[in-house]
Every structure is written in C-alpha cells, then in structure tokens.
Amino acid sequence: MTVRIAQISCGTEYSGIQGEVYRAAEITGMHIVFPEIDTDDIKRAMDVIGLYPASTGLRVMLARALAVAEGRVEVDGVIVMTCFRCAEGALVRHTIRRFLHKTTKIPVISYSFTERTKAENLLLRFEALVNMIERRTLLARKKHEGLTIGIDSGSTMTKGVVMKNGEILAAYWLPTIDVVTSGLRVYEELFKKTGMSKSQVEAIGVTGYGRFILGKELKANLVQEEITVCSKGAAYLGNAQESYSTIIDIGGADNKAIALYEGVPYSFTVGGICAGASGRFLEITATRLGVDLMTFGELALKGDHRKIVMNAYCIVFGMHDLVTALARGARREDVAAAACYSVAEQFFEQQFQEVEVKEPVLQIGGTSLIKGLVKAFEDTLKMKIIVPPYSQFAGAVGAAILSSALAKSS
C-alpha cells in the first residue's frame, strides 16, 4: 500500500529542496500529491479560511488546503511546508494546520525548511507520518500482554525496560557511546535485574536514533521511529489513552511536541532550526555550573529567571549569555532558572505553534526529571505538567507495548 500525502507548500521548488522531499518520500513509501485547483478556488479559499496573504504562492496553499478539506482529493495525510525565514509563510502554515484539524480527520504535520534541508532531515517526520496512517490499528492497542523488552536507543542515553502483562519488571539506562555496545549492555542488564532467560521473551521492540542497527543486532520484532513509540509509552504511563493529550519531549539532540487522541498521535513537530532548546543546552549549562542535571533542576527551583537575559535560540549565544552573567556575579540559581525558562519559552514559541495543546500535558524523557524545567513549562503554558512514573523510559515502554501488540496480531 502506498500512502498518499498531500504536499501543501510554498518555496520548495525555488529553494531547491523539492528533490529532497521526493527522495525522503520514496524511502518511506510515501506518494506526494499536489491537490489540483483553479483560479476561482483561490479567492474562495481565502474567504472560507479568513486569511488574505500577499504572496501568490501562499494563496495557492490556502486553495489546496480547501481542496483537501472538501474531499476533492483523496489523501491519507498532509504535510504543510513553508520557508523558515518567511514570517507570512509561518502564519499561513499555522492557519492551514488548524483549519485541516478542524475540518478533516487525517493526520497533518507542518515543517519550516531552509535551502539546506536534506532528505535525511525529513525521514523521521515522514516515517512517523506513514506509521500514524499504516499502523493506526497497532497504535490504538491499549493493553500490554506477555513478556516483552523495549529499548530506546537515544542520541545521548540508551534506555530499556522489561514488561510483563502491563507491569514494568525492570528498567535500566546508560549513556549512549556506541549504539550496539550500549544497547547490548542495557539488554543484558535487564536479564540480570529480572533473573529471566532470553527464551522467555516473547517480543523485542527497538526505537530511537540507533533503532535500525540495534534492531538488526537484536533481531527485534518491532523497529519503529520514536515519535509514535514515545507517544504510546507516554499515554500508557500517564493514563491518557481515552481522550486528548499533549506530549513534551526535550531530547538530547532535538525536541518534540506531539498531539494525541486516545493514545494515537495525529499531529507533531520535531526540533527547531537551532539547538538552544535541546537537552544538550541544559547539560552544558549544568556542567558550566559544576553540578549534575538533577542538582541543576533543584537550583533552578530556587532561582529567579527574570534576573538573567538568556538567548536559547542559539546554543552558542546562550552559553555566551550564561558566561557573561556568571562573570558579573550572577547567582547560580538564577542562571539555572534562566536556562530552564529559556528552553520552555523557545519550545512554546516554536513547537507549540505547530500542534494543538490540550490537557493533560505529559512531559517525558530524561529532562522530565529536571524539576526546574517542569516548573518553567508550567509557568510558560499556565497549565499543569504531568510527569508520569518511568517518564524517562517512555520510549522503551512504548517499544515494549507495541512489540507485544505486533506479536499478538501476527
């Protein structure tokens, strides 16, 4: 089955990345469709949607979105793309995403590209979108049965869990150095912790950046990208599989905002152009302050972020602001708080403009254990943030659950 995805975009041809879009689509089994429109559709679309952009290309985007909403083109999902540098494009992109969410039931993702965007930058997004469509029945499974292992081979940490009939029997994590070596060590440690034999395991699921090479090494039953897998784990751990929910995941290399309904993602956004809102920024800040990340989080709770001006949009400039503040005698507590709020504010300004934010809001990943960061998100969003038990193992839990569902259905 080829998944038909409507591309609603402006500037991909002029920036030279349309070929990269096609390449990523081919790799992930996606067929790109451009909804057909005529000149009359453009004026009608602006009136219906209520937005009148100056750019002709952006007006065409509105018309194509209306064609999808009215069912004049048969597609399984939509990707909305505009240039990172175009403010009007960002407004149109956000408007189309919201419009399609209200008028259709198909998954919609959005992305701001640059002229340097490559197929590799799109693969995770496209793979997740395809899985949201093709594996919807699998993702909708809400129970865990049997004895399974889930491993999340992340960019900075490798995490694993053993689950038996919905219960986590053991969990283990360590820094990712070599993907296979770290993954195999986590795998072996799980057996040591439980005392079980490998023959007892019914299925293995692997996710994360190292999923392909580690999945092959472990002969995993499930090898799947982290967006859908972490969503399943988060919804399961947070008891949020019956209605809407929103996921915050600040990872070591990027960050993710995911909107779910009944535990199944219907929209998401990954990372930003800059690394200032990544877990790596917080890790560097903690190291500069001479503390570990957990102590860093406690310091942030005691600090006043308003006393420090920090630019988290760029990790280099953010560190410059940090060093300058310390050189002027700033308290470590205030610097830690400023770093947390800077990450939360950038996430809000970029990621949460791309998805619908509905409670409960669940924060997962290793950075969910940084208490100052959780508070910064609560203050920024004016919402309660739920950190479920085993939040740092959400990806591994999702892998264990989905591998169980896959084994039971096969």
Protein backbone atom coordinates (compact mmCIF):
# COMPACT_ATOMS: atom_id res chain seq x y z
CA MET A 1 0.00 0.00 0.00
CA THR A 2 1.35 3.42 -0.97
CA VAL A 3 0.43 6.22 1.40
CA ARG A 4 -0.87 9.29 -0.41
CA ILE A 5 0.25 12.54 1.22
CA ALA A 6 -0.88 15.99 0.09
CA GLN A 7 2.01 18.43 0.00
CA ILE A 8 0.79 21.95 0.67
CA SER A 9 3.83 24.19 0.41
CA CYS A 10 5.41 27.37 -0.86
CA GLY A 11 9.01 27.79 -1.98
CA THR A 12 10.23 24.20 -2.08
CA GLU A 13 10.95 24.47 -5.80
CA TYR A 14 12.71 27.86 -5.58
CA SER A 15 14.81 26.79 -2.59
CA GLY A 16 15.88 23.64 -4.42
CA ILE A 17 14.64 21.14 -1.83
CA GLN A 18 11.72 19.58 -3.72
CA GLY A 19 14.02 16.82 -4.93
CA GLU A 20 14.91 16.09 -1.32
CA VAL A 21 11.21 15.89 -0.46
CA TYR A 22 10.68 13.34 -3.24
CA ARG A 23 13.72 11.33 -2.10
CA ALA A 24 12.50 11.18 1.51
CA ALA A 25 9.03 10.24 0.30
CA GLU A 26 10.37 7.40 -1.83
CA ILE A 27 12.44 5.99 1.06
CA THR A 28 9.46 5.98 3.42
CA GLY A 29 6.91 4.62 0.94
CA MET A 30 5.03 7.86 0.55
CA HIS A 31 3.45 9.21 -2.64
CA ILE A 32 3.37 13.02 -2.82
CA VAL A 33 0.19 14.55 -4.21
CA PHE A 34 -0.40 18.21 -5.13
CA PRO A 35 -4.15 18.99 -4.91
CA GLU A 36 -5.44 20.42 -8.18
CA ILE A 37 -7.07 23.85 -8.04
CA ASP A 38 -8.13 26.65 -10.39
CA THR A 39 -8.05 30.44 -10.04
CA ASP A 40 -11.59 30.62 -8.66
CA ASP A 41 -10.59 28.34 -5.77
CA ILE A 42 -8.00 30.84 -4.55
CA LYS A 43 -10.44 33.67 -3.77
CA ARG A 44 -12.98 31.27 -2.30
CA ALA A 45 -10.34 29.63 -0.07
CA MET A 46 -9.25 32.99 1.35
CA ASP A 47 -12.87 33.86 2.15
CA VAL A 48 -13.59 30.48 3.74
CA ILE A 49 -10.40 30.31 5.79
CA GLY A 50 -10.40 34.03 6.58
CA LEU A 51 -6.81 34.85 5.69
CA TYR A 52 -5.62 37.07 2.80
CA PRO A 53 -1.84 36.70 2.32
CA ALA A 54 0.03 38.95 -0.10
CA SER A 55 2.05 36.13 -1.65
CA THR A 56 0.52 34.26 -4.58
CA GLY A 57 2.27 31.06 -3.51
CA LEU A 58 0.72 31.27 -0.04
CA ARG A 59 -2.71 31.92 -1.55
CA VAL A 60 -2.31 28.75 -3.60
CA MET A 61 -1.56 26.89 -0.35
CA LEU A 62 -4.91 28.01 1.08
CA ALA A 63 -6.72 26.80 -2.05
CA ARG A 64 -5.04 23.41 -1.87
CA ALA A 65 -5.93 23.12 1.81
CA LEU A 66 -9.57 23.82 0.97
CA ALA A 67 -9.48 21.13 -1.74
CA VAL A 68 -8.33 18.61 0.89
CA ALA A 69 -10.94 19.77 3.41
CA GLU A 70 -13.73 19.44 0.83
CA GLY A 71 -12.61 15.95 -0.17
CA ARG A 72 -11.79 16.92 -3.76
CA VAL A 73 -8.53 14.99 -3.50
CA GLU A 74 -8.11 11.57 -1.91
CA VAL A 75 -5.17 11.57 0.50
CA ASP A 76 -4.22 9.81 3.73
CA GLY A 77 -2.37 12.70 5.32
CA VAL A 78 -0.97 16.20 4.79
CA ILE A 79 2.38 17.90 5.20
CA VAL A 80 2.37 21.71 5.26
CA MET A 81 5.71 23.34 4.47
CA THR A 82 6.96 26.93 4.28
CA CYS A 83 10.33 28.63 4.42
CA PHE A 84 11.86 29.18 7.86
CA ARG A 85 12.66 32.79 7.01
CA CYS A 86 9.16 33.79 5.88
CA ALA A 87 7.01 35.27 8.66
CA GLU A 88 3.90 35.39 6.48
CA GLY A 89 4.55 31.79 5.49
CA ALA A 90 4.63 30.76 9.16
CA LEU A 91 1.25 32.40 9.72
CA VAL A 92 -0.26 30.62 6.71
CA ARG A 93 1.29 27.32 7.76
CA HIS A 94 -0.18 27.53 11.26
CA THR A 95 -3.57 28.62 9.92
CA ILE A 96 -3.78 25.74 7.43
CA ARG A 97 -2.79 23.20 10.06
CA ARG A 98 -5.52 24.41 12.43
CA PHE A 99 -8.06 24.57 9.60
CA LEU A 100 -7.39 21.00 8.48
CA HIS A 101 -7.50 19.69 12.03
CA LYS A 102 -10.97 21.19 12.42
CA THR A 103 -12.32 20.05 9.06
CA THR A 104 -10.73 16.63 8.50
CA LYS A 105 -9.77 13.52 10.43
CA ILE A 106 -6.50 12.88 8.63
CA PRO A 107 -3.10 13.48 10.26
CA VAL A 108 -1.43 16.79 9.48
CA ILE A 109 2.17 17.77 10.19
CA SER A 110 3.96 21.02 9.42
CA TYR A 111 7.59 21.90 8.83
CA SER A 112 9.65 25.03 8.20
CA PHE A 113 12.52 24.31 5.82
CA THR A 114 15.70 26.06 4.76
CA GLU A 115 17.60 25.83 1.49
CA ARG A 116 19.92 23.35 3.25
CA THR A 117 17.16 20.88 4.12
CA LYS A 118 18.04 17.36 3.01
CA ALA A 119 16.04 14.16 2.74
CA GLU A 120 17.71 12.98 5.93
CA ASN A 121 16.13 15.90 7.81
CA LEU A 122 12.71 14.76 6.64
CA LEU A 123 12.96 10.99 7.11
CA LEU A 124 11.93 10.86 10.79
CA ARG A 125 8.93 13.11 10.12
CA PHE A 126 7.84 11.20 7.02
CA GLU A 127 8.38 7.80 8.64
CA ALA A 128 6.28 8.83 11.64
CA LEU A 129 3.52 10.18 9.41
CA VAL A 130 3.41 6.92 7.46
CA ASN A 131 3.29 4.90 10.69
CA MET A 132 0.45 7.07 12.02
CA ILE A 133 -1.52 6.05 8.93
CA GLU A 134 -0.45 2.47 8.24
CA ARG A 135 -0.11 1.33 11.86
CA ARG A 136 -3.09 3.11 13.34
CA THR A 137 -4.69 -0.15 14.48
CA LEU A 138 -1.44 -1.20 16.16
CA LEU A 139 -1.03 2.20 17.84
CA ALA A 140 -4.62 2.07 19.08
CA ARG A 141 -3.98 -1.09 21.13
CA LYS A 142 -4.19 -0.06 24.80
CA LYS A 143 -3.12 -3.19 26.66
CA HIS A 144 0.19 -4.92 27.11
CA GLU A 145 0.25 -8.69 27.19
CA GLY A 146 3.01 -11.23 27.59
CA LEU A 147 6.68 -10.73 28.42
CA THR A 148 8.48 -8.22 26.19
CA ILE A 149 11.52 -5.97 26.14
CA GLY A 150 11.63 -2.40 24.84
CA ILE A 151 14.84 -0.48 24.15
CA ASP A 152 15.12 3.19 23.25
CA SER A 153 18.49 3.84 21.60
CA GLY A 154 18.62 7.61 22.00
CA SER A 155 21.22 10.13 20.91
CA THR A 156 22.54 10.62 24.45
CA MET A 157 21.03 7.78 26.54
CA THR A 158 20.07 4.17 25.88
CA LYS A 159 17.08 3.02 27.95
CA GLY A 160 15.41 -0.34 28.33
CA VAL A 161 12.50 -1.97 30.17
CA VAL A 162 11.09 -5.44 30.71
CA MET A 163 7.30 -5.62 30.86
CA LYS A 164 5.00 -8.48 31.80
CA ASN A 165 1.25 -8.15 31.34
CA GLY A 166 1.31 -4.37 31.73
CA GLU A 167 3.75 -4.23 34.63
CA ILE A 168 7.33 -2.91 34.41
CA LEU A 169 9.55 -5.56 35.97
CA ALA A 170 12.87 -3.82 35.43
CA ALA A 171 14.33 -0.67 33.87
CA TYR A 172 17.90 0.33 33.09
CA TRP A 173 19.64 3.17 31.30
CA LEU A 174 23.15 4.36 30.50
CA PRO A 175 24.86 6.93 28.23
CA THR A 176 24.92 6.09 24.52
CA ILE A 177 28.52 5.76 23.38
CA ASP A 178 28.44 3.08 20.71
CA VAL A 179 24.90 2.23 19.61
CA VAL A 180 25.33 -1.55 19.56
CA THR A 181 27.59 -1.78 22.61
CA SER A 182 25.34 0.42 24.73
CA GLY A 183 22.20 -1.33 23.51
CA LEU A 184 23.55 -4.81 24.22
CA ARG A 185 24.68 -3.79 27.69
CA VAL A 186 21.21 -2.47 28.53
CA TYR A 187 19.73 -5.68 27.12
CA GLU A 188 21.98 -7.87 29.27
CA GLU A 189 21.43 -5.78 32.41
CA LEU A 190 17.68 -6.25 32.10
CA PHE A 191 18.16 -10.02 32.30
CA LYS A 192 20.41 -9.65 35.32
CA LYS A 193 17.83 -7.48 37.08
CA THR A 194 14.95 -9.90 36.48
CA GLY A 195 16.76 -13.23 36.53
CA MET A 196 14.79 -14.35 33.50
CA SER A 197 16.19 -16.18 30.49
CA LYS A 198 16.19 -14.91 26.93
CA SER A 199 13.98 -17.78 25.83
CA GLN A 200 11.16 -16.39 27.98
CA VAL A 201 10.97 -13.14 25.99
CA GLU A 202 8.09 -13.13 23.53
CA ALA A 203 9.00 -9.99 21.60
CA ILE A 204 11.56 -7.17 21.45
CA GLY A 205 10.87 -3.62 20.32
CA VAL A 206 13.53 -1.03 19.47
CA THR A 207 13.16 2.69 18.84
CA GLY A 208 15.33 5.83 18.82
CA TYR A 209 18.19 7.08 16.68
CA GLY A 210 20.03 3.76 16.77
CA ARG A 211 16.93 1.63 16.10
CA PHE A 212 17.98 0.20 12.75
CA ILE A 213 21.44 -1.07 13.64
CA LEU A 214 20.44 -2.18 17.16
CA GLY A 215 17.18 -3.71 15.95
CA LYS A 216 19.11 -5.80 13.44
CA GLU A 217 21.59 -6.89 16.10
CA LEU A 218 18.81 -7.99 18.48
CA LYS A 219 16.59 -9.43 15.72
CA ALA A 220 13.83 -7.20 17.07
CA ASN A 221 10.19 -7.87 16.25
CA LEU A 222 9.46 -4.13 16.08
CA VAL A 223 11.77 -1.38 14.80
CA GLN A 224 9.89 1.92 14.75
CA GLU A 225 10.63 5.65 14.96
CA GLU A 226 10.42 7.38 18.32
CA ILE A 227 7.52 9.77 17.69
CA THR A 228 4.78 7.15 17.54
CA VAL A 229 6.55 4.86 20.01
CA CYS A 230 7.18 7.52 22.66
CA SER A 231 3.58 8.68 22.24
CA LYS A 232 2.31 5.19 23.04
CA GLY A 233 4.60 4.92 26.07
CA ALA A 234 3.69 8.36 27.39
CA ALA A 235 -0.06 7.85 27.01
CA TYR A 236 0.21 4.46 28.71
CA LEU A 237 2.30 5.70 31.64
CA GLY A 238 0.16 8.82 32.05
CA ASN A 239 -3.20 7.00 31.86
CA ALA A 240 -4.11 9.22 28.90
CA GLN A 241 -5.36 6.71 26.35
CA GLU A 242 -9.04 7.66 26.46
CA SER A 243 -9.09 11.27 25.24
CA TYR A 244 -6.85 14.10 24.02
CA SER A 245 -3.36 14.66 25.44
CA THR A 246 -0.17 16.53 24.57
CA ILE A 247 3.42 15.31 24.87
CA ILE A 248 6.54 17.39 25.61
CA ASP A 249 9.85 15.63 24.99
CA ILE A 250 13.06 17.65 25.30
CA GLY A 251 15.67 15.25 23.95
CA GLY A 252 19.43 15.39 23.84
CA ALA A 253 19.58 16.35 20.15
CA ASP A 254 16.11 17.72 19.46
CA ASN A 255 12.70 18.25 20.99
CA LYS A 256 9.22 17.02 20.13
CA ALA A 257 5.68 18.25 20.65
CA ILE A 258 3.02 15.63 19.91
CA ALA A 259 -0.77 15.88 19.93
CA LEU A 260 -2.63 12.64 20.66
CA TYR A 261 -6.18 11.37 20.65
CA GLU A 262 -6.87 8.13 22.51
CA GLY A 263 -3.14 7.45 22.65
CA VAL A 264 -2.62 7.82 18.89
CA PRO A 265 -0.71 10.85 17.52
CA TYR A 266 -2.50 12.96 14.94
CA SER A 267 -0.02 15.85 14.74
CA PHE A 268 3.55 16.50 15.81
CA THR A 269 6.58 18.68 15.28
CA VAL A 270 10.24 17.79 15.73
CA GLY A 271 13.05 20.06 16.80
CA GLY A 272 13.87 23.50 15.61
CA ILE A 273 16.44 25.13 13.41
CA CYS A 274 18.65 25.90 16.44
CA ALA A 275 19.79 23.71 19.35
CA GLY A 276 19.13 26.15 22.17
CA ALA A 277 16.01 24.29 23.34
CA SER A 278 17.61 20.86 23.40
CA GLY A 279 18.62 18.80 26.39
CA ARG A 280 22.20 19.32 25.32
CA PHE A 281 21.91 23.03 26.16
CA LEU A 282 20.77 22.20 29.69
CA GLU A 283 23.52 19.61 30.06
CA ILE A 284 26.20 22.12 29.03
CA THR A 285 24.73 24.72 31.39
CA ALA A 286 24.76 22.26 34.30
CA THR A 287 28.37 21.35 33.56
CA ARG A 288 29.34 25.04 33.48
CA LEU A 289 27.68 25.47 36.88
CA GLY A 290 29.58 22.46 38.22
CA VAL A 291 26.56 20.29 39.05
CA ASP A 292 24.73 17.27 37.68
CA LEU A 293 21.40 17.69 35.92
CA MET A 294 19.26 16.75 38.91
CA THR A 295 21.05 19.26 41.15
CA PHE A 296 20.77 21.78 38.32
CA GLY A 297 17.00 21.31 38.37
CA GLU A 298 16.87 21.88 42.14
CA LEU A 299 18.97 25.06 41.76
CA ALA A 300 16.57 26.35 39.11
CA LEU A 301 13.63 25.99 41.52
CA LYS A 302 15.38 28.41 43.89
CA GLY A 303 16.34 30.96 41.23
CA ASP A 304 14.71 33.98 39.58
CA HIS A 305 14.91 33.70 35.80
CA ARG A 306 13.91 37.36 35.37
CA LYS A 307 17.31 38.49 36.63
CA ILE A 308 19.16 36.93 33.67
CA VAL A 309 18.74 37.65 29.97
CA MET A 310 19.48 34.46 28.05
CA ASN A 311 19.18 33.69 24.33
CA ALA A 312 18.37 29.99 23.97
CA TYR A 313 17.64 30.23 20.24
CA CYS A 314 21.31 29.58 19.63
CA ILE A 315 23.26 27.26 21.91
CA VAL A 316 26.44 29.30 21.33
CA PHE A 317 24.84 32.67 22.15
CA GLY A 318 23.01 31.08 25.07
CA MET A 319 26.32 29.94 26.54
CA HIS A 320 27.74 33.42 25.93
CA ASP A 321 24.90 34.92 27.96
CA LEU A 322 25.46 32.36 30.70
CA VAL A 323 29.20 33.01 30.96
CA THR A 324 28.66 36.78 30.89
CA ALA A 325 26.08 36.56 33.67
CA LEU A 326 28.37 34.48 35.88
CA ALA A 327 31.27 36.86 35.24
CA ARG A 328 29.10 39.70 36.52
CA GLY A 329 28.42 37.85 39.75
CA ALA A 330 25.03 36.30 38.98
CA ARG A 331 23.81 33.60 41.33
CA ARG A 332 23.98 30.03 40.03
CA GLU A 333 20.34 29.58 40.98
CA ASP A 334 19.26 32.48 38.76
CA VAL A 335 21.35 31.24 35.84
CA ALA A 336 19.89 27.73 36.15
CA ALA A 337 16.36 29.13 36.26
CA ALA A 338 17.03 31.37 33.24
CA ALA A 339 18.28 28.39 31.22
CA CYS A 340 15.14 26.37 32.03
CA TYR A 341 12.76 29.23 31.20
CA SER A 342 14.67 30.00 28.02
CA VAL A 343 14.16 26.41 26.82
CA ALA A 344 10.48 26.43 27.80
CA GLU A 345 9.84 29.76 26.09
CA GLN A 346 11.53 28.73 22.84
CA PHE A 347 9.60 25.45 22.86
CA PHE A 348 6.37 27.37 23.35
CA GLU A 349 7.15 29.90 20.61
CA GLN A 350 8.18 27.30 18.03
CA GLN A 351 6.92 23.79 18.80
CA PHE A 352 3.58 24.67 20.33
CA GLN A 353 2.69 26.85 17.36
CA GLU A 354 2.66 23.66 15.28
CA VAL A 355 0.34 21.44 17.38
CA GLU A 356 -2.87 21.81 19.35
CA VAL A 357 -2.13 21.92 23.08
CA LYS A 358 -4.78 20.04 25.05
CA GLU A 359 -4.63 18.79 28.61
CA PRO A 360 -3.37 16.60 30.09
CA VAL A 361 0.13 17.74 29.12
CA LEU A 362 2.67 14.98 29.74
CA GLN A 363 6.42 15.59 29.90
CA ILE A 364 8.68 12.62 29.19
CA GLY A 365 12.33 11.82 28.57
CA GLY A 366 15.33 12.24 30.84
CA THR A 367 14.85 16.01 31.02
CA SER A 368 11.41 15.50 32.60
CA LEU A 369 13.34 14.72 35.81
CA ILE A 370 14.76 18.28 35.85
CA LYS A 371 12.31 19.88 38.28
CA GLY A 372 13.18 23.44 37.33
CA LEU A 373 12.39 22.72 33.69
CA VAL A 374 8.99 21.24 34.54
CA LYS A 375 8.15 24.36 36.59
CA ALA A 376 9.29 26.59 33.73
CA PHE A 377 6.89 24.80 31.38
CA GLU A 378 4.03 25.11 33.86
CA ASP A 379 4.62 28.85 34.24
CA THR A 380 5.03 29.38 30.49
CA LEU A 381 1.97 27.35 29.46
CA LYS A 382 -0.15 28.26 32.51
CA MET A 383 -1.02 24.55 32.65
CA LYS A 384 -0.28 21.68 34.99
CA ILE A 385 2.50 19.44 33.65
CA ILE A 386 2.23 15.74 34.47
CA VAL A 387 5.46 13.76 34.76
CA PRO A 388 4.31 10.13 34.76
CA PRO A 389 6.21 7.35 36.57
CA TYR A 390 9.11 5.99 34.49
CA SER A 391 8.82 9.14 32.34
CA GLN A 392 12.43 8.80 31.19
CA PHE A 393 11.62 5.31 29.88
CA ALA A 394 8.56 6.30 27.81
CA GLY A 395 10.20 5.29 24.51
CA ALA A 396 11.28 1.90 25.85
CA VAL A 397 7.82 1.31 27.36
CA GLY A 398 6.18 2.20 24.05
CA ALA A 399 8.50 -0.20 22.23
CA ALA A 400 7.64 -3.00 24.67
CA ILE A 401 3.90 -2.36 24.32
CA LEU A 402 3.89 -2.14 20.53
CA SER A 403 6.11 -5.21 20.13
CA SER A 404 3.60 -7.09 22.28
CA ALA A 405 0.69 -5.87 20.15
CA LEU A 406 2.55 -6.80 16.96
CA ALA A 407 3.38 -10.29 18.27
CA LYS A 408 -0.24 -10.91 19.34
CA SER A 409 -1.62 -9.76 15.99
CA SER A 410 0.74 -11.82 13.85
